[in-house]
Amino acid sequence: MRAGERPEGKGINPVTDARKRFDAELLQAQWVLGGLNAEELTDQAVLALQSGFSGVSLEQLAGLVRPAKKDLGNLPARVFAELGLQPIDIDGAVTLLIRRGELPTSRTISELLEAFPEFCDRWKRHIASWGGKPAGSYNDMAEFVYFVVEDLYEKGKIGETRRAFQVLENFVANGQQEDRDLINFGFFETLQCVGSWRNYGNRVFEQFLGSSSLQVWREIQRLWAGKSSLMDVIRAERQRG
């Protein structure tokens, strides 16, 4: 066998390889959530044709050059039908992404979703607002802050509010460093900022803090004392260093 030759029967089939890369369900979900622009959708149409799919609408979409979303009309819906997909709404698109595990989620967020099923509705809206794309762990954690503030505390669900802080206390006291950082800066620091804009202030949450969480809370207060922006905090820490 000469160098560079492939053993017979073991070469890469271009169509099979393309099919592995093209995902019609994922494409539809991302489009419904606004996570793709019109040009990206046309690129995916080209990939679909390379994958062995066919259809008049699919060919029309693939042939467009730099289209805007308003130029597409109902063409995407016709394309998805040619791909064998049923129409879905935003909730259906989010549900599909969650079911398939398409969104990388931190272990902490996953456990919070499991511990607080009522957080799921806000979580789905959060996913939709990011077009079905990863928002990042700290943006994800900010959603849990608003859940605790608006859906629990402000609705008088004090027992559930207390339970949320107990779960977080366990992370702070026993979690890995990555988990602790996410709780410390993603939850408690964000909570102090969010609470400070409420009429009742952020000190009302101190009653729910465990010993480890209270240490973090006080340290964040120290860092922000006399500061009005994150840049002020960074400058002060650099000067200390």
C-alpha atoms as a PDB file:
ATOM      1  CA  MET A   1       0.000   0.000   0.000  1.00  0.00           C
ATOM      2  CA  ARG A   2       1.388   3.407  -0.953  1.00  0.00           C
ATOM      3  CA  ALA A   3       1.740   6.192   1.570  1.00  0.00           C
ATOM      4  CA  GLY A   4      -1.413   8.231   1.841  1.00  0.00           C
ATOM      5  CA  GLU A   5      -3.716   5.486   0.547  1.00  0.00           C
ATOM      6  CA  ARG A   6      -6.615   4.323   2.726  1.00  0.00           C
ATOM      7  CA  PRO A   7      -7.404   0.661   3.285  1.00  0.00           C
ATOM      8  CA  GLU A   8     -10.331  -0.360   1.092  1.00  0.00           C
ATOM      9  CA  GLY A   9     -13.663   0.055   2.881  1.00  0.00           C
ATOM     10  CA  LYS A  10     -12.211   2.273   5.601  1.00  0.00           C
ATOM     11  CA  GLY A  11     -12.300   5.650   3.874  1.00  0.00           C
ATOM     12  CA  ILE A  12     -14.486   8.514   5.033  1.00  0.00           C
ATOM     13  CA  ASN A  13     -17.837   8.720   3.263  1.00  0.00           C
ATOM     14  CA  PRO A  14     -18.407  12.464   2.651  1.00  0.00           C
ATOM     15  CA  VAL A  15     -22.190  12.143   2.869  1.00  0.00           C
ATOM     16  CA  THR A  16     -22.096  10.069   6.056  1.00  0.00           C
ATOM     17  CA  ASP A  17     -19.596  12.464   7.631  1.00  0.00           C
ATOM     18  CA  ALA A  18     -21.753  15.467   6.713  1.00  0.00           C
ATOM     19  CA  ARG A  19     -24.837  13.825   8.197  1.00  0.00           C
ATOM     20  CA  LYS A  20     -22.981  13.496  11.481  1.00  0.00           C
ATOM     21  CA  ARG A  21     -22.275  17.229  11.450  1.00  0.00           C
ATOM     22  CA  PHE A  22     -25.765  18.352  10.374  1.00  0.00           C
ATOM     23  CA  ASP A  23     -28.424  18.244  13.080  1.00  0.00           C
ATOM     24  CA  ALA A  24     -31.890  19.212  11.835  1.00  0.00           C
ATOM     25  CA  GLU A  25     -33.556  19.195  15.274  1.00  0.00           C
ATOM     26  CA  LEU A  26     -30.873  21.376  16.818  1.00  0.00           C
ATOM     27  CA  LEU A  27     -30.997  23.733  13.847  1.00  0.00           C
ATOM     28  CA  GLN A  28     -34.754  24.202  14.174  1.00  0.00           C
ATOM     29  CA  ALA A  29     -34.530  24.837  17.931  1.00  0.00           C
ATOM     30  CA  GLN A  30     -31.778  27.421  17.541  1.00  0.00           C
ATOM     31  CA  TRP A  31     -33.692  29.196  14.768  1.00  0.00           C
ATOM     32  CA  VAL A  32     -36.927  29.331  16.770  1.00  0.00           C
ATOM     33  CA  LEU A  33     -35.023  30.812  19.736  1.00  0.00           C
ATOM     34  CA  GLY A  34     -33.296  33.420  17.592  1.00  0.00           C
ATOM     35  CA  GLY A  35     -29.862  31.920  18.093  1.00  0.00           C
ATOM     36  CA  LEU A  36     -29.101  31.932  14.370  1.00  0.00           C
ATOM     37  CA  ASN A  37     -29.208  34.761  11.859  1.00  0.00           C
ATOM     38  CA  ALA A  38     -30.427  34.380   8.277  1.00  0.00           C
ATOM     39  CA  GLU A  39     -26.947  33.904   6.810  1.00  0.00           C
ATOM     40  CA  GLU A  40     -26.135  31.153   9.298  1.00  0.00           C
ATOM     41  CA  LEU A  41     -29.372  29.410   8.365  1.00  0.00           C
ATOM     42  CA  THR A  42     -28.447  29.466   4.679  1.00  0.00           C
ATOM     43  CA  ASP A  43     -25.042  27.972   5.535  1.00  0.00           C
ATOM     44  CA  GLN A  44     -26.826  25.165   7.349  1.00  0.00           C
ATOM     45  CA  ALA A  45     -29.051  24.633   4.316  1.00  0.00           C
ATOM     46  CA  VAL A  46     -25.939  24.084   2.215  1.00  0.00           C
ATOM     47  CA  LEU A  47     -24.668  21.591   4.785  1.00  0.00           C
ATOM     48  CA  ALA A  48     -28.032  19.814   4.699  1.00  0.00           C
ATOM     49  CA  LEU A  49     -27.755  19.371   0.937  1.00  0.00           C
ATOM     50  CA  GLN A  50     -24.228  18.048   1.362  1.00  0.00           C
ATOM     51  CA  SER A  51     -25.625  15.645   3.946  1.00  0.00           C
ATOM     52  CA  GLY A  52     -27.952  14.093   1.389  1.00  0.00           C
ATOM     53  CA  PHE A  53     -31.163  15.941   2.226  1.00  0.00           C
ATOM     54  CA  SER A  54     -33.181  17.404  -0.634  1.00  0.00           C
ATOM     55  CA  GLY A  55     -36.158  19.622  -1.305  1.00  0.00           C
ATOM     56  CA  VAL A  56     -37.215  22.640  -3.330  1.00  0.00           C
ATOM     57  CA  SER A  57     -37.367  24.950  -0.308  1.00  0.00           C
ATOM     58  CA  LEU A  58     -34.030  23.695   0.984  1.00  0.00           C
ATOM     59  CA  GLU A  59     -32.401  24.465  -2.369  1.00  0.00           C
ATOM     60  CA  GLN A  60     -34.014  27.908  -2.418  1.00  0.00           C
ATOM     61  CA  LEU A  61     -32.654  28.694   1.037  1.00  0.00           C
ATOM     62  CA  ALA A  62     -29.180  27.401   0.207  1.00  0.00           C
ATOM     63  CA  GLY A  63     -29.078  29.595  -2.890  1.00  0.00           C
ATOM     64  CA  LEU A  64     -29.678  32.874  -1.082  1.00  0.00           C
ATOM     65  CA  VAL A  65     -26.771  35.292  -0.729  1.00  0.00           C
ATOM     66  CA  ARG A  66     -26.516  37.341   2.474  1.00  0.00           C
ATOM     67  CA  PRO A  67     -30.238  37.389   3.194  1.00  0.00           C
ATOM     68  CA  ALA A  68     -31.847  39.289   6.066  1.00  0.00           C
ATOM     69  CA  LYS A  69     -34.391  37.571   8.272  1.00  0.00           C
ATOM     70  CA  LYS A  70     -37.205  39.615   6.750  1.00  0.00           C
ATOM     71  CA  ASP A  71     -36.298  38.212   3.316  1.00  0.00           C
ATOM     72  CA  LEU A  72     -37.004  34.626   4.347  1.00  0.00           C
ATOM     73  CA  GLY A  73     -40.739  34.801   5.013  1.00  0.00           C
ATOM     74  CA  ASN A  74     -42.071  31.300   5.677  1.00  0.00           C
ATOM     75  CA  LEU A  75     -39.173  29.663   3.863  1.00  0.00           C
ATOM     76  CA  PRO A  76     -37.565  28.312   7.094  1.00  0.00           C
ATOM     77  CA  ALA A  77     -40.846  26.643   8.096  1.00  0.00           C
ATOM     78  CA  ARG A  78     -41.077  24.971   4.685  1.00  0.00           C
ATOM     79  CA  VAL A  79     -37.464  23.832   4.959  1.00  0.00           C
ATOM     80  CA  PHE A  80     -38.001  22.262   8.382  1.00  0.00           C
ATOM     81  CA  ALA A  81     -41.057  20.459   7.005  1.00  0.00           C
ATOM     82  CA  GLU A  82     -38.928  19.072   4.163  1.00  0.00           C
ATOM     83  CA  LEU A  83     -36.456  17.884   6.791  1.00  0.00           C
ATOM     84  CA  GLY A  84     -39.264  15.878   8.386  1.00  0.00           C
ATOM     85  CA  LEU A  85     -39.751  18.093  11.448  1.00  0.00           C
ATOM     86  CA  GLN A  86     -42.972  19.203  13.123  1.00  0.00           C
ATOM     87  CA  PRO A  87     -43.357  22.908  14.013  1.00  0.00           C
ATOM     88  CA  ILE A  88     -42.234  23.831  17.537  1.00  0.00           C
ATOM     89  CA  ASP A  89     -42.655  26.950  19.669  1.00  0.00           C
ATOM     90  CA  ILE A  90     -40.147  28.585  22.022  1.00  0.00           C
ATOM     91  CA  ASP A  91     -41.052  26.313  24.920  1.00  0.00           C
ATOM     92  CA  GLY A  92     -40.680  23.265  22.697  1.00  0.00           C
ATOM     93  CA  ALA A  93     -37.294  24.454  21.473  1.00  0.00           C
ATOM     94  CA  VAL A  94     -36.022  25.018  25.018  1.00  0.00           C
ATOM     95  CA  THR A  95     -37.366  21.649  26.151  1.00  0.00           C
ATOM     96  CA  LEU A  96     -35.557  19.942  23.283  1.00  0.00           C
ATOM     97  CA  LEU A  97     -32.225  21.587  24.141  1.00  0.00           C
ATOM     98  CA  ILE A  98     -32.565  20.609  27.804  1.00  0.00           C
ATOM     99  CA  ARG A  99     -33.638  17.046  26.995  1.00  0.00           C
ATOM    100  CA  ARG A 100     -30.714  16.543  24.673  1.00  0.00           C
ATOM    101  CA  GLY A 101     -28.206  18.142  27.035  1.00  0.00           C
ATOM    102  CA  GLU A 102     -27.085  20.655  24.422  1.00  0.00           C
ATOM    103  CA  LEU A 103     -26.416  23.414  26.952  1.00  0.00           C
ATOM    104  CA  PRO A 104     -23.311  23.039  29.116  1.00  0.00           C
ATOM    105  CA  THR A 105     -24.467  23.628  32.682  1.00  0.00           C
ATOM    106  CA  SER A 106     -22.330  23.733  35.798  1.00  0.00           C
ATOM    107  CA  ARG A 107     -22.765  21.028  38.399  1.00  0.00           C
ATOM    108  CA  THR A 108     -23.974  23.668  40.849  1.00  0.00           C
ATOM    109  CA  ILE A 109     -26.765  24.908  38.583  1.00  0.00           C
ATOM    110  CA  SER A 110     -27.816  21.340  37.783  1.00  0.00           C
ATOM    111  CA  GLU A 111     -28.174  20.556  41.477  1.00  0.00           C
ATOM    112  CA  LEU A 112     -30.095  23.766  42.124  1.00  0.00           C
ATOM    113  CA  LEU A 113     -32.523  22.898  39.328  1.00  0.00           C
ATOM    114  CA  GLU A 114     -33.006  19.483  40.868  1.00  0.00           C
ATOM    115  CA  ALA A 115     -33.478  20.898  44.364  1.00  0.00           C
ATOM    116  CA  PHE A 116     -35.905  23.623  43.237  1.00  0.00           C
ATOM    117  CA  PRO A 117     -38.196  22.405  40.422  1.00  0.00           C
ATOM    118  CA  GLU A 118     -40.044  25.740  40.519  1.00  0.00           C
ATOM    119  CA  PHE A 119     -36.823  27.364  39.260  1.00  0.00           C
ATOM    120  CA  CYS A 120     -37.293  25.562  35.924  1.00  0.00           C
ATOM    121  CA  ASP A 121     -39.755  28.065  34.417  1.00  0.00           C
ATOM    122  CA  ARG A 122     -37.380  30.973  34.998  1.00  0.00           C
ATOM    123  CA  TRP A 123     -34.517  28.797  33.756  1.00  0.00           C
ATOM    124  CA  LYS A 124     -36.337  28.104  30.481  1.00  0.00           C
ATOM    125  CA  ARG A 125     -36.950  31.811  29.946  1.00  0.00           C
ATOM    126  CA  HIS A 126     -33.254  32.407  30.623  1.00  0.00           C
ATOM    127  CA  ILE A 127     -32.263  29.865  27.965  1.00  0.00           C
ATOM    128  CA  ALA A 128     -34.666  31.402  25.476  1.00  0.00           C
ATOM    129  CA  SER A 129     -33.336  34.920  26.140  1.00  0.00           C
ATOM    130  CA  TRP A 130     -29.860  33.737  25.114  1.00  0.00           C
ATOM    131  CA  GLY A 131     -31.125  32.223  21.881  1.00  0.00           C
ATOM    132  CA  GLY A 132     -30.425  28.706  23.076  1.00  0.00           C
ATOM    133  CA  LYS A 133     -26.712  29.429  23.364  1.00  0.00           C
ATOM    134  CA  PRO A 134     -24.657  29.010  26.572  1.00  0.00           C
ATOM    135  CA  ALA A 135     -24.918  32.092  28.765  1.00  0.00           C
ATOM    136  CA  GLY A 136     -21.997  31.215  31.040  1.00  0.00           C
ATOM    137  CA  SER A 137     -22.041  29.965  34.624  1.00  0.00           C
ATOM    138  CA  TYR A 138     -22.156  33.398  36.249  1.00  0.00           C
ATOM    139  CA  ASN A 139     -25.075  34.578  34.120  1.00  0.00           C
ATOM    140  CA  ASP A 140     -26.789  31.290  34.937  1.00  0.00           C
ATOM    141  CA  MET A 141     -26.237  31.865  38.645  1.00  0.00           C
ATOM    142  CA  ALA A 142     -27.633  35.390  38.392  1.00  0.00           C
ATOM    143  CA  GLU A 143     -30.926  33.816  37.343  1.00  0.00           C
ATOM    144  CA  PHE A 144     -30.974  31.846  40.576  1.00  0.00           C
ATOM    145  CA  VAL A 145     -30.402  35.089  42.473  1.00  0.00           C
ATOM    146  CA  TYR A 146     -33.513  36.603  40.874  1.00  0.00           C
ATOM    147  CA  PHE A 147     -35.403  33.391  41.574  1.00  0.00           C
ATOM    148  CA  VAL A 148     -34.557  33.604  45.277  1.00  0.00           C
ATOM    149  CA  VAL A 149     -35.310  37.334  45.462  1.00  0.00           C
ATOM    150  CA  GLU A 150     -38.414  37.625  43.296  1.00  0.00           C
ATOM    151  CA  ASP A 151     -39.986  34.156  43.293  1.00  0.00           C
ATOM    152  CA  LEU A 152     -39.254  33.175  46.873  1.00  0.00           C
ATOM    153  CA  TYR A 153     -38.484  36.034  49.269  1.00  0.00           C
ATOM    154  CA  GLU A 154     -40.698  38.738  47.743  1.00  0.00           C
ATOM    155  CA  LYS A 155     -43.602  36.287  47.535  1.00  0.00           C
ATOM    156  CA  GLY A 156     -43.330  35.519  51.222  1.00  0.00           C
ATOM    157  CA  LYS A 157     -41.971  31.989  50.790  1.00  0.00           C
ATOM    158  CA  ILE A 158     -39.634  32.335  53.733  1.00  0.00           C
ATOM    159  CA  GLY A 159     -39.240  28.603  54.348  1.00  0.00           C
ATOM    160  CA  GLU A 160     -38.125  28.023  50.759  1.00  0.00           C
ATOM    161  CA  THR A 161     -35.877  31.082  50.921  1.00  0.00           C
ATOM    162  CA  ARG A 162     -34.197  29.654  53.992  1.00  0.00           C
ATOM    163  CA  ARG A 163     -33.831  26.262  52.295  1.00  0.00           C
ATOM    164  CA  ALA A 164     -32.156  27.893  49.276  1.00  0.00           C
ATOM    165  CA  PHE A 165     -29.545  29.488  51.526  1.00  0.00           C
ATOM    166  CA  GLN A 166     -29.008  26.183  53.322  1.00  0.00           C
ATOM    167  CA  VAL A 167     -28.279  24.459  50.014  1.00  0.00           C
ATOM    168  CA  LEU A 168     -25.844  27.228  49.093  1.00  0.00           C
ATOM    169  CA  GLU A 169     -24.226  27.039  52.534  1.00  0.00           C
ATOM    170  CA  ASN A 170     -23.472  23.385  51.890  1.00  0.00           C
ATOM    171  CA  PHE A 171     -21.752  24.288  48.628  1.00  0.00           C
ATOM    172  CA  VAL A 172     -19.675  27.001  50.327  1.00  0.00           C
ATOM    173  CA  ALA A 173     -18.691  24.757  53.231  1.00  0.00           C
ATOM    174  CA  ASN A 174     -18.115  21.493  51.382  1.00  0.00           C
ATOM    175  CA  GLY A 175     -17.993  22.148  47.651  1.00  0.00           C
ATOM    176  CA  GLN A 176     -14.986  22.180  45.357  1.00  0.00           C
ATOM    177  CA  GLN A 177     -13.240  25.480  44.707  1.00  0.00           C
ATOM    178  CA  GLU A 178     -15.020  25.977  41.383  1.00  0.00           C
ATOM    179  CA  ASP A 179     -18.391  25.547  43.105  1.00  0.00           C
ATOM    180  CA  ARG A 180     -17.432  27.917  45.926  1.00  0.00           C
ATOM    181  CA  ASP A 181     -16.254  30.614  43.520  1.00  0.00           C
ATOM    182  CA  LEU A 182     -19.517  30.411  41.585  1.00  0.00           C
ATOM    183  CA  ILE A 183     -21.570  30.689  44.771  1.00  0.00           C
ATOM    184  CA  ASN A 184     -19.399  33.394  46.326  1.00  0.00           C
ATOM    185  CA  PHE A 185     -19.152  35.721  43.350  1.00  0.00           C
ATOM    186  CA  GLY A 186     -22.028  34.529  41.195  1.00  0.00           C
ATOM    187  CA  PHE A 187     -24.650  34.368  43.934  1.00  0.00           C
ATOM    188  CA  PHE A 188     -23.695  36.339  47.038  1.00  0.00           C
ATOM    189  CA  GLU A 189     -22.008  39.258  45.292  1.00  0.00           C
ATOM    190  CA  THR A 190     -24.857  39.498  42.781  1.00  0.00           C
ATOM    191  CA  LEU A 191     -27.393  39.229  45.604  1.00  0.00           C
ATOM    192  CA  GLN A 192     -25.821  42.142  47.434  1.00  0.00           C
ATOM    193  CA  CYS A 193     -26.048  44.265  44.279  1.00  0.00           C
ATOM    194  CA  VAL A 194     -29.618  43.213  43.465  1.00  0.00           C
ATOM    195  CA  GLY A 195     -30.787  43.598  47.066  1.00  0.00           C
ATOM    196  CA  SER A 196     -29.243  47.060  47.372  1.00  0.00           C
ATOM    197  CA  TRP A 197     -31.652  48.309  44.696  1.00  0.00           C
ATOM    198  CA  ARG A 198     -34.686  47.013  46.608  1.00  0.00           C
ATOM    199  CA  ASN A 199     -36.496  49.163  49.146  1.00  0.00           C
ATOM    200  CA  TYR A 200     -35.724  46.641  51.864  1.00  0.00           C
ATOM    201  CA  GLY A 201     -31.974  46.552  51.081  1.00  0.00           C
ATOM    202  CA  ASN A 202     -29.704  43.527  51.003  1.00  0.00           C
ATOM    203  CA  ARG A 203     -29.241  43.131  54.754  1.00  0.00           C
ATOM    204  CA  VAL A 204     -32.579  41.332  55.044  1.00  0.00           C
ATOM    205  CA  PHE A 205     -30.859  38.270  53.587  1.00  0.00           C
ATOM    206  CA  GLU A 206     -28.278  38.081  56.366  1.00  0.00           C
ATOM    207  CA  GLN A 207     -30.785  36.254  58.567  1.00  0.00           C
ATOM    208  CA  PHE A 208     -30.601  33.278  56.205  1.00  0.00           C
ATOM    209  CA  LEU A 209     -26.798  32.988  56.077  1.00  0.00           C
ATOM    210  CA  GLY A 210     -24.938  30.051  57.565  1.00  0.00           C
ATOM    211  CA  SER A 211     -21.519  30.520  59.172  1.00  0.00           C
ATOM    212  CA  SER A 212     -19.487  29.905  56.000  1.00  0.00           C
ATOM    213  CA  SER A 213     -21.799  32.030  53.861  1.00  0.00           C
ATOM    214  CA  LEU A 214     -21.659  34.858  56.406  1.00  0.00           C
ATOM    215  CA  GLN A 215     -17.864  34.982  56.133  1.00  0.00           C
ATOM    216  CA  VAL A 216     -18.162  35.309  52.365  1.00  0.00           C
ATOM    217  CA  TRP A 217     -20.878  37.953  52.744  1.00  0.00           C
ATOM    218  CA  ARG A 218     -18.726  40.064  55.073  1.00  0.00           C
ATOM    219  CA  GLU A 219     -15.698  39.787  52.796  1.00  0.00           C
ATOM    220  CA  ILE A 220     -17.729  40.994  49.825  1.00  0.00           C
ATOM    221  CA  GLN A 221     -18.986  43.921  51.910  1.00  0.00           C
ATOM    222  CA  ARG A 222     -15.395  44.755  52.799  1.00  0.00           C
ATOM    223  CA  LEU A 223     -14.325  44.655  49.163  1.00  0.00           C
ATOM    224  CA  TRP A 224     -17.152  46.964  48.101  1.00  0.00           C
ATOM    225  CA  ALA A 225     -16.964  49.384  51.034  1.00  0.00           C
ATOM    226  CA  GLY A 226     -16.648  52.908  49.624  1.00  0.00           C
ATOM    227  CA  LYS A 227     -16.652  51.606  46.035  1.00  0.00           C
ATOM    228  CA  SER A 228     -19.193  52.435  43.351  1.00  0.00           C
ATOM    229  CA  SER A 229     -18.053  50.155  40.559  1.00  0.00           C
ATOM    230  CA  LEU A 230     -16.268  46.892  39.870  1.00  0.00           C
ATOM    231  CA  MET A 231     -13.305  48.863  38.549  1.00  0.00           C
ATOM    232  CA  ASP A 232     -12.977  50.573  41.943  1.00  0.00           C
ATOM    233  CA  VAL A 233     -12.826  47.144  43.583  1.00  0.00           C
ATOM    234  CA  ILE A 234     -10.170  45.917  41.134  1.00  0.00           C
ATOM    235  CA  ARG A 235      -8.032  49.030  41.646  1.00  0.00           C
ATOM    236  CA  ALA A 236      -8.221  48.692  45.424  1.00  0.00           C
ATOM    237  CA  GLU A 237      -7.209  45.025  45.315  1.00  0.00           C
ATOM    238  CA  ARG A 238      -4.267  45.803  43.018  1.00  0.00           C
ATOM    239  CA  GLN A 239      -3.092  48.512  45.382  1.00  0.00           C
ATOM    240  CA  ARG A 240      -3.267  46.063  48.289  1.00  0.00           C
ATOM    241  CA  GLY A 241      -1.242  43.544  46.304  1.00  0.00           C
END
